[in-house]
C-alpha atoms as a PDB file:
ATOM      1  CA  UNK A   1      -2.179 -28.595 -13.233  1.00  0.00           C
ATOM      2  CA  UNK A   2       0.417 -28.561 -10.656  1.00  0.00           C
ATOM      3  CA  UNK A   3      -0.739 -24.873  -9.549  1.00  0.00           C
ATOM      4  CA  UNK A   4      -4.184 -26.732  -8.949  1.00  0.00           C
ATOM      5  CA  UNK A   5      -2.836 -29.702  -6.824  1.00  0.00           C
ATOM      6  CA  UNK A   6      -0.695 -27.117  -4.832  1.00  0.00           C
ATOM      7  CA  UNK A   7      -3.795 -25.175  -4.079  1.00  0.00           C
ATOM      8  CA  UNK A   8      -5.722 -28.077  -2.890  1.00  0.00           C
ATOM      9  CA  UNK A   9      -2.975 -28.954  -0.702  1.00  0.00           C
ATOM     10  CA  UNK A  10      -2.707 -25.378   0.577  1.00  0.00           C
ATOM     11  CA  UNK A  11      -6.352 -25.999   1.464  1.00  0.00           C
ATOM     12  CA  UNK A  12      -5.303 -28.701   4.090  1.00  0.00           C
ATOM     13  CA  UNK A  13      -3.240 -25.823   5.428  1.00  0.00           C
ATOM     14  CA  UNK A  14      -6.385 -24.119   7.228  1.00  0.00           C
ATOM     15  CA  UNK A  15      -5.581 -25.699  10.235  1.00  0.00           C
ATOM     16  CA  UNK A  16      -2.590 -23.174  10.573  1.00  0.00           C
ATOM     17  CA  UNK A  17      -5.671 -20.905  11.266  1.00  0.00           C
ATOM     18  CA  UNK A  18      -3.800 -18.333  13.190  1.00  0.00           C
ATOM     19  CA  UNK A  19      -1.016 -17.558  10.234  1.00  0.00           C
ATOM     20  CA  UNK A  20      -1.273 -15.282   7.645  1.00  0.00           C
ATOM     21  CA  UNK A  21      -0.876 -17.281   4.546  1.00  0.00           C
ATOM     22  CA  UNK A  22      -0.423 -14.409   1.782  1.00  0.00           C
ATOM     23  CA  UNK A  23       1.519 -11.056   1.772  1.00  0.00           C
ATOM     24  CA  UNK A  24       1.170  -8.923   4.540  1.00  0.00           C
ATOM     25  CA  UNK A  25      -0.246  -5.880   4.160  1.00  0.00           C
ATOM     26  CA  UNK A  26      -0.950  -4.799   7.706  1.00  0.00           C
ATOM     27  CA  UNK A  27      -0.598  -0.946   8.054  1.00  0.00           C
ATOM     28  CA  UNK A  28      -0.019  -0.686   4.695  1.00  0.00           C
ATOM     29  CA  UNK A  29      -1.914  -0.314   1.683  1.00  0.00           C
ATOM     30  CA  UNK A  30      -2.834  -3.419  -0.563  1.00  0.00           C
ATOM     31  CA  UNK A  31      -1.929  -4.008  -4.156  1.00  0.00           C
ATOM     32  CA  UNK A  32      -4.839  -2.879  -6.933  1.00  0.00           C
ATOM     33  CA  UNK A  33      -6.439  -5.605  -8.406  1.00  0.00           C
ATOM     34  CA  UNK A  34      -5.927  -6.808 -11.588  1.00  0.00           C
ATOM     35  CA  UNK A  35      -9.274  -6.759 -13.779  1.00  0.00           C
ATOM     36  CA  UNK A  36     -11.094  -6.510 -16.942  1.00  0.00           C
ATOM     37  CA  UNK A  37     -14.516  -5.423 -17.440  1.00  0.00           C
ATOM     38  CA  UNK A  38     -16.047  -8.799 -18.200  1.00  0.00           C
ATOM     39  CA  UNK A  39     -14.320 -10.665 -15.331  1.00  0.00           C
ATOM     40  CA  UNK A  40     -16.493  -8.500 -12.863  1.00  0.00           C
ATOM     41  CA  UNK A  41     -19.713 -10.114 -11.860  1.00  0.00           C
ATOM     42  CA  UNK A  42     -22.681  -8.137  -9.771  1.00  0.00           C
ATOM     43  CA  UNK A  43     -20.113  -5.070 -10.077  1.00  0.00           C
ATOM     44  CA  UNK A  44     -18.346  -2.896 -12.492  1.00  0.00           C
ATOM     45  CA  UNK A  45     -14.823  -3.336 -12.131  1.00  0.00           C
ATOM     46  CA  UNK A  46     -13.738  -1.826  -8.877  1.00  0.00           C
ATOM     47  CA  UNK A  47     -10.543   0.271  -7.821  1.00  0.00           C
ATOM     48  CA  UNK A  48      -9.179   0.129  -4.268  1.00  0.00           C
ATOM     49  CA  UNK A  49      -7.974   3.721  -4.743  1.00  0.00           C
ATOM     50  CA  UNK A  50     -11.692   4.647  -5.730  1.00  0.00           C
ATOM     51  CA  UNK A  51     -13.014   2.832  -2.841  1.00  0.00           C
ATOM     52  CA  UNK A  52     -10.967   4.558  -0.437  1.00  0.00           C
ATOM     53  CA  UNK A  53     -13.583   6.163   2.299  1.00  0.00           C
ATOM     54  CA  UNK A  54     -14.991   2.862   2.273  1.00  0.00           C
ATOM     55  CA  UNK A  55     -14.382  -0.502   4.221  1.00  0.00           C
ATOM     56  CA  UNK A  56     -13.402  -3.157   1.741  1.00  0.00           C
ATOM     57  CA  UNK A  57     -13.546  -6.688   2.542  1.00  0.00           C
ATOM     58  CA  UNK A  58     -11.285  -8.785   0.117  1.00  0.00           C
ATOM     59  CA  UNK A  59     -11.417 -12.610   0.099  1.00  0.00           C
ATOM     60  CA  UNK A  60      -9.833 -15.024  -2.069  1.00  0.00           C
ATOM     61  CA  UNK A  61     -10.829 -18.430  -2.598  1.00  0.00           C
ATOM     62  CA  UNK A  62     -12.022 -20.951  -5.248  1.00  0.00           C
ATOM     63  CA  UNK A  63     -15.300 -22.850  -6.103  1.00  0.00           C
ATOM     64  CA  UNK A  64     -13.809 -26.343  -4.733  1.00  0.00           C
ATOM     65  CA  UNK A  65     -12.345 -25.281  -1.821  1.00  0.00           C
ATOM     66  CA  UNK A  66     -14.456 -26.142   1.374  1.00  0.00           C
ATOM     67  CA  UNK A  67     -12.961 -23.974   3.700  1.00  0.00           C
ATOM     68  CA  UNK A  68     -14.249 -21.067   1.219  1.00  0.00           C
ATOM     69  CA  UNK A  69     -17.450 -22.379   0.761  1.00  0.00           C
ATOM     70  CA  UNK A  70     -18.091 -22.344   4.847  1.00  0.00           C
ATOM     71  CA  UNK A  71     -16.937 -18.838   4.802  1.00  0.00           C
ATOM     72  CA  UNK A  72     -20.025 -17.580   1.970  1.00  0.00           C
ATOM     73  CA  UNK A  73     -22.453 -17.614   4.024  1.00  0.00           C
ATOM     74  CA  UNK A  74     -20.786 -14.838   6.325  1.00  0.00           C
ATOM     75  CA  UNK A  75     -20.231 -13.032   3.123  1.00  0.00           C
ATOM     76  CA  UNK A  76     -23.925 -12.938   2.285  1.00  0.00           C
ATOM     77  CA  UNK A  77     -24.779 -11.890   5.757  1.00  0.00           C
ATOM     78  CA  UNK A  78     -22.394  -9.106   5.806  1.00  0.00           C
ATOM     79  CA  UNK A  79     -23.663  -7.854   2.624  1.00  0.00           C
ATOM     80  CA  UNK A  80     -26.892  -7.657   3.549  1.00  0.00           C
ATOM     81  CA  UNK A  81     -26.420  -6.265   6.883  1.00  0.00           C
ATOM     82  CA  UNK A  82     -23.413  -3.615   5.995  1.00  0.00           C
ATOM     83  CA  UNK A  83     -23.250  -2.874   2.354  1.00  0.00           C
ATOM     84  CA  UNK A  84     -25.876   0.205   3.086  1.00  0.00           C
ATOM     85  CA  UNK A  85     -23.456   1.234   5.804  1.00  0.00           C
ATOM     86  CA  UNK A  86     -20.358   1.261   3.360  1.00  0.00           C
ATOM     87  CA  UNK A  87     -18.857  -1.999   3.561  1.00  0.00           C
ATOM     88  CA  UNK A  88     -18.075  -3.063  -0.015  1.00  0.00           C
ATOM     89  CA  UNK A  89     -17.092  -7.146  -0.477  1.00  0.00           C
ATOM     90  CA  UNK A  90     -14.988  -8.208  -3.281  1.00  0.00           C
ATOM     91  CA  UNK A  91     -14.723 -12.110  -3.475  1.00  0.00           C
ATOM     92  CA  UNK A  92     -11.863 -13.162  -5.998  1.00  0.00           C
ATOM     93  CA  UNK A  93     -12.054 -16.455  -7.300  1.00  0.00           C
ATOM     94  CA  UNK A  94      -8.507 -17.890  -8.492  1.00  0.00           C
ATOM     95  CA  UNK A  95      -8.993 -18.124 -11.966  1.00  0.00           C
ATOM     96  CA  UNK A  96      -6.257 -20.647 -12.483  1.00  0.00           C
ATOM     97  CA  UNK A  97      -8.644 -23.127 -10.838  1.00  0.00           C
ATOM     98  CA  UNK A  98     -11.696 -21.776 -11.917  1.00  0.00           C
ATOM     99  CA  UNK A  99     -13.784 -21.623 -15.076  1.00  0.00           C
ATOM    100  CA  UNK A 100     -15.811 -18.094 -15.800  1.00  0.00           C
ATOM    101  CA  UNK A 101     -18.785 -19.989 -16.790  1.00  0.00           C
ATOM    102  CA  UNK A 102     -18.689 -21.951 -13.782  1.00  0.00           C
ATOM    103  CA  UNK A 103     -18.279 -19.379 -11.453  1.00  0.00           C
ATOM    104  CA  UNK A 104     -21.070 -17.549 -13.021  1.00  0.00           C
ATOM    105  CA  UNK A 105     -23.475 -20.057 -12.515  1.00  0.00           C
ATOM    106  CA  UNK A 106     -22.411 -20.816  -8.741  1.00  0.00           C
ATOM    107  CA  UNK A 107     -23.049 -16.616  -8.110  1.00  0.00           C
ATOM    108  CA  UNK A 108     -26.276 -16.974  -9.889  1.00  0.00           C
ATOM    109  CA  UNK A 109     -26.987 -20.350  -7.802  1.00  0.00           C
ATOM    110  CA  UNK A 110     -26.326 -18.796  -4.619  1.00  0.00           C
ATOM    111  CA  UNK A 111     -27.858 -15.287  -5.489  1.00  0.00           C
ATOM    112  CA  UNK A 112     -24.899 -13.694  -4.487  1.00  0.00           C
ATOM    113  CA  UNK A 113     -24.793 -10.260  -4.005  1.00  0.00           C
ATOM    114  CA  UNK A 114     -21.883  -8.798  -3.447  1.00  0.00           C
ATOM    115  CA  UNK A 115     -19.018  -7.879  -5.853  1.00  0.00           C
ATOM    116  CA  UNK A 116     -16.921 -11.203  -7.255  1.00  0.00           C
ATOM    117  CA  UNK A 117     -14.015 -10.752  -9.886  1.00  0.00           C
ATOM    118  CA  UNK A 118     -12.936 -13.881 -11.655  1.00  0.00           C
ATOM    119  CA  UNK A 119      -8.967 -13.810 -11.173  1.00  0.00           C
ATOM    120  CA  UNK A 120      -8.142 -14.452 -14.930  1.00  0.00           C
ATOM    121  CA  UNK A 121      -4.472 -16.122 -14.780  1.00  0.00           C
ATOM    122  CA  UNK A 122      -4.453 -15.803 -10.880  1.00  0.00           C
ATOM    123  CA  UNK A 123      -2.938 -12.190 -11.537  1.00  0.00           C
ATOM    124  CA  UNK A 124      -4.108 -10.720  -8.185  1.00  0.00           C
ATOM    125  CA  UNK A 125      -4.072 -14.188  -6.247  1.00  0.00           C
ATOM    126  CA  UNK A 126       0.070 -13.883  -7.039  1.00  0.00           C
ATOM    127  CA  UNK A 127       0.523 -10.581  -6.681  1.00  0.00           C
ATOM    128  CA  UNK A 128      -1.014 -10.644  -3.239  1.00  0.00           C
ATOM    129  CA  UNK A 129       1.235 -14.004  -2.427  1.00  0.00           C
ATOM    130  CA  UNK A 130      -1.709 -16.024  -2.004  1.00  0.00           C
ATOM    131  CA  UNK A 131      -0.940 -19.669  -0.317  1.00  0.00           C
ATOM    132  CA  UNK A 132      -4.068 -20.901   1.297  1.00  0.00           C
ATOM    133  CA  UNK A 133      -7.888 -20.373   0.758  1.00  0.00           C
ATOM    134  CA  UNK A 134      -9.707 -18.418   2.030  1.00  0.00           C
ATOM    135  CA  UNK A 135      -7.239 -15.691   2.699  1.00  0.00           C
ATOM    136  CA  UNK A 136      -9.002 -12.349   3.633  1.00  0.00           C
ATOM    137  CA  UNK A 137      -7.597  -8.481   3.955  1.00  0.00           C
ATOM    138  CA  UNK A 138      -9.657  -6.062   5.910  1.00  0.00           C
ATOM    139  CA  UNK A 139      -8.920  -2.521   4.286  1.00  0.00           C
ATOM    140  CA  UNK A 140      -9.871   0.240   6.424  1.00  0.00           C
ATOM    141  CA  UNK A 141     -11.464   4.017   5.501  1.00  0.00           C
ATOM    142  CA  UNK A 142      -7.784   5.201   5.023  1.00  0.00           C
ATOM    143  CA  UNK A 143      -7.133   2.590   2.611  1.00  0.00           C
ATOM    144  CA  UNK A 144      -4.680   0.408   4.331  1.00  0.00           C
ATOM    145  CA  UNK A 145      -4.928  -2.813   5.755  1.00  0.00           C
ATOM    146  CA  UNK A 146      -6.253  -3.476   8.940  1.00  0.00           C
ATOM    147  CA  UNK A 147      -6.771  -7.325   9.498  1.00  0.00           C
ATOM    148  CA  UNK A 148      -5.234 -10.120   7.690  1.00  0.00           C
ATOM    149  CA  UNK A 149      -4.904 -13.921   7.253  1.00  0.00           C
ATOM    150  CA  UNK A 150      -7.187 -17.209   7.403  1.00  0.00           C
ATOM    151  CA  UNK A 151     -11.054 -15.610   7.908  1.00  0.00           C
ATOM    152  CA  UNK A 152     -12.749 -18.989   8.964  1.00  0.00           C
ATOM    153  CA  UNK A 153     -12.027 -19.205  12.958  1.00  0.00           C
ATOM    154  CA  UNK A 154     -12.058 -15.394  12.887  1.00  0.00           C
ATOM    155  CA  UNK A 155     -15.364 -14.139  11.478  1.00  0.00           C
ATOM    156  CA  UNK A 156     -16.443 -12.696  14.948  1.00  0.00           C
ATOM    157  CA  UNK A 157     -13.296 -10.342  15.590  1.00  0.00           C
ATOM    158  CA  UNK A 158     -13.301  -9.821  11.422  1.00  0.00           C
ATOM    159  CA  UNK A 159     -17.103  -8.436  12.015  1.00  0.00           C
ATOM    160  CA  UNK A 160     -16.370  -6.191  15.076  1.00  0.00           C
ATOM    161  CA  UNK A 161     -13.507  -4.848  12.900  1.00  0.00           C
ATOM    162  CA  UNK A 162     -15.929  -4.096  10.130  1.00  0.00           C
ATOM    163  CA  UNK A 163     -18.652  -2.165  12.859  1.00  0.00           C
ATOM    164  CA  UNK A 164     -15.689  -0.436  14.302  1.00  0.00           C
ATOM    165  CA  UNK A 165     -14.465   0.700  10.994  1.00  0.00           C
ATOM    166  CA  UNK A 166     -17.916   1.462   9.705  1.00  0.00           C
ATOM    167  CA  UNK A 167     -18.280   3.859  12.618  1.00  0.00           C
ATOM    168  CA  UNK A 168     -15.135   5.536  12.008  1.00  0.00           C
ATOM    169  CA  UNK A 169     -16.424   6.166   8.348  1.00  0.00           C
ATOM    170  CA  UNK A 170     -19.375   8.071   9.281  1.00  0.00           C
ATOM    171  CA  UNK A 171     -17.586  10.751  11.412  1.00  0.00           C
END
């Protein structure tokens, strides 16, 4: 309950848009994803180590987060436009705040096609030190983070980085 209240309060922190409200991995490889097979929607379990050479957008959120919901159409669009070019989107739902069945229903209703991880017990959220939602990390083809932070005000900047990194991946 306290974690849920804290998360809701921290959503208000989206006003601090230029801050990174999670651990910083800029220029470094981020932690691996903690997951089990039954926690993934739209994808078999993914491993960042196995995704090296691809561009990966990792986003942390939860269902009742207004800024997270605002970001979802961008994830859908990016998946449609860039998945075939090598972009992998991993949307991580804080399992301490969301029930798996509610998440599954939402993904089906919204017809989201990108990978969704229900982070049971928030193990990955804790490993990344997530303090506000949504929190995003753009992982380049070399497996290191090239952008991190609260994505909503930076969508165009992030998309430009995605396109530039995908161009690198083709070479």
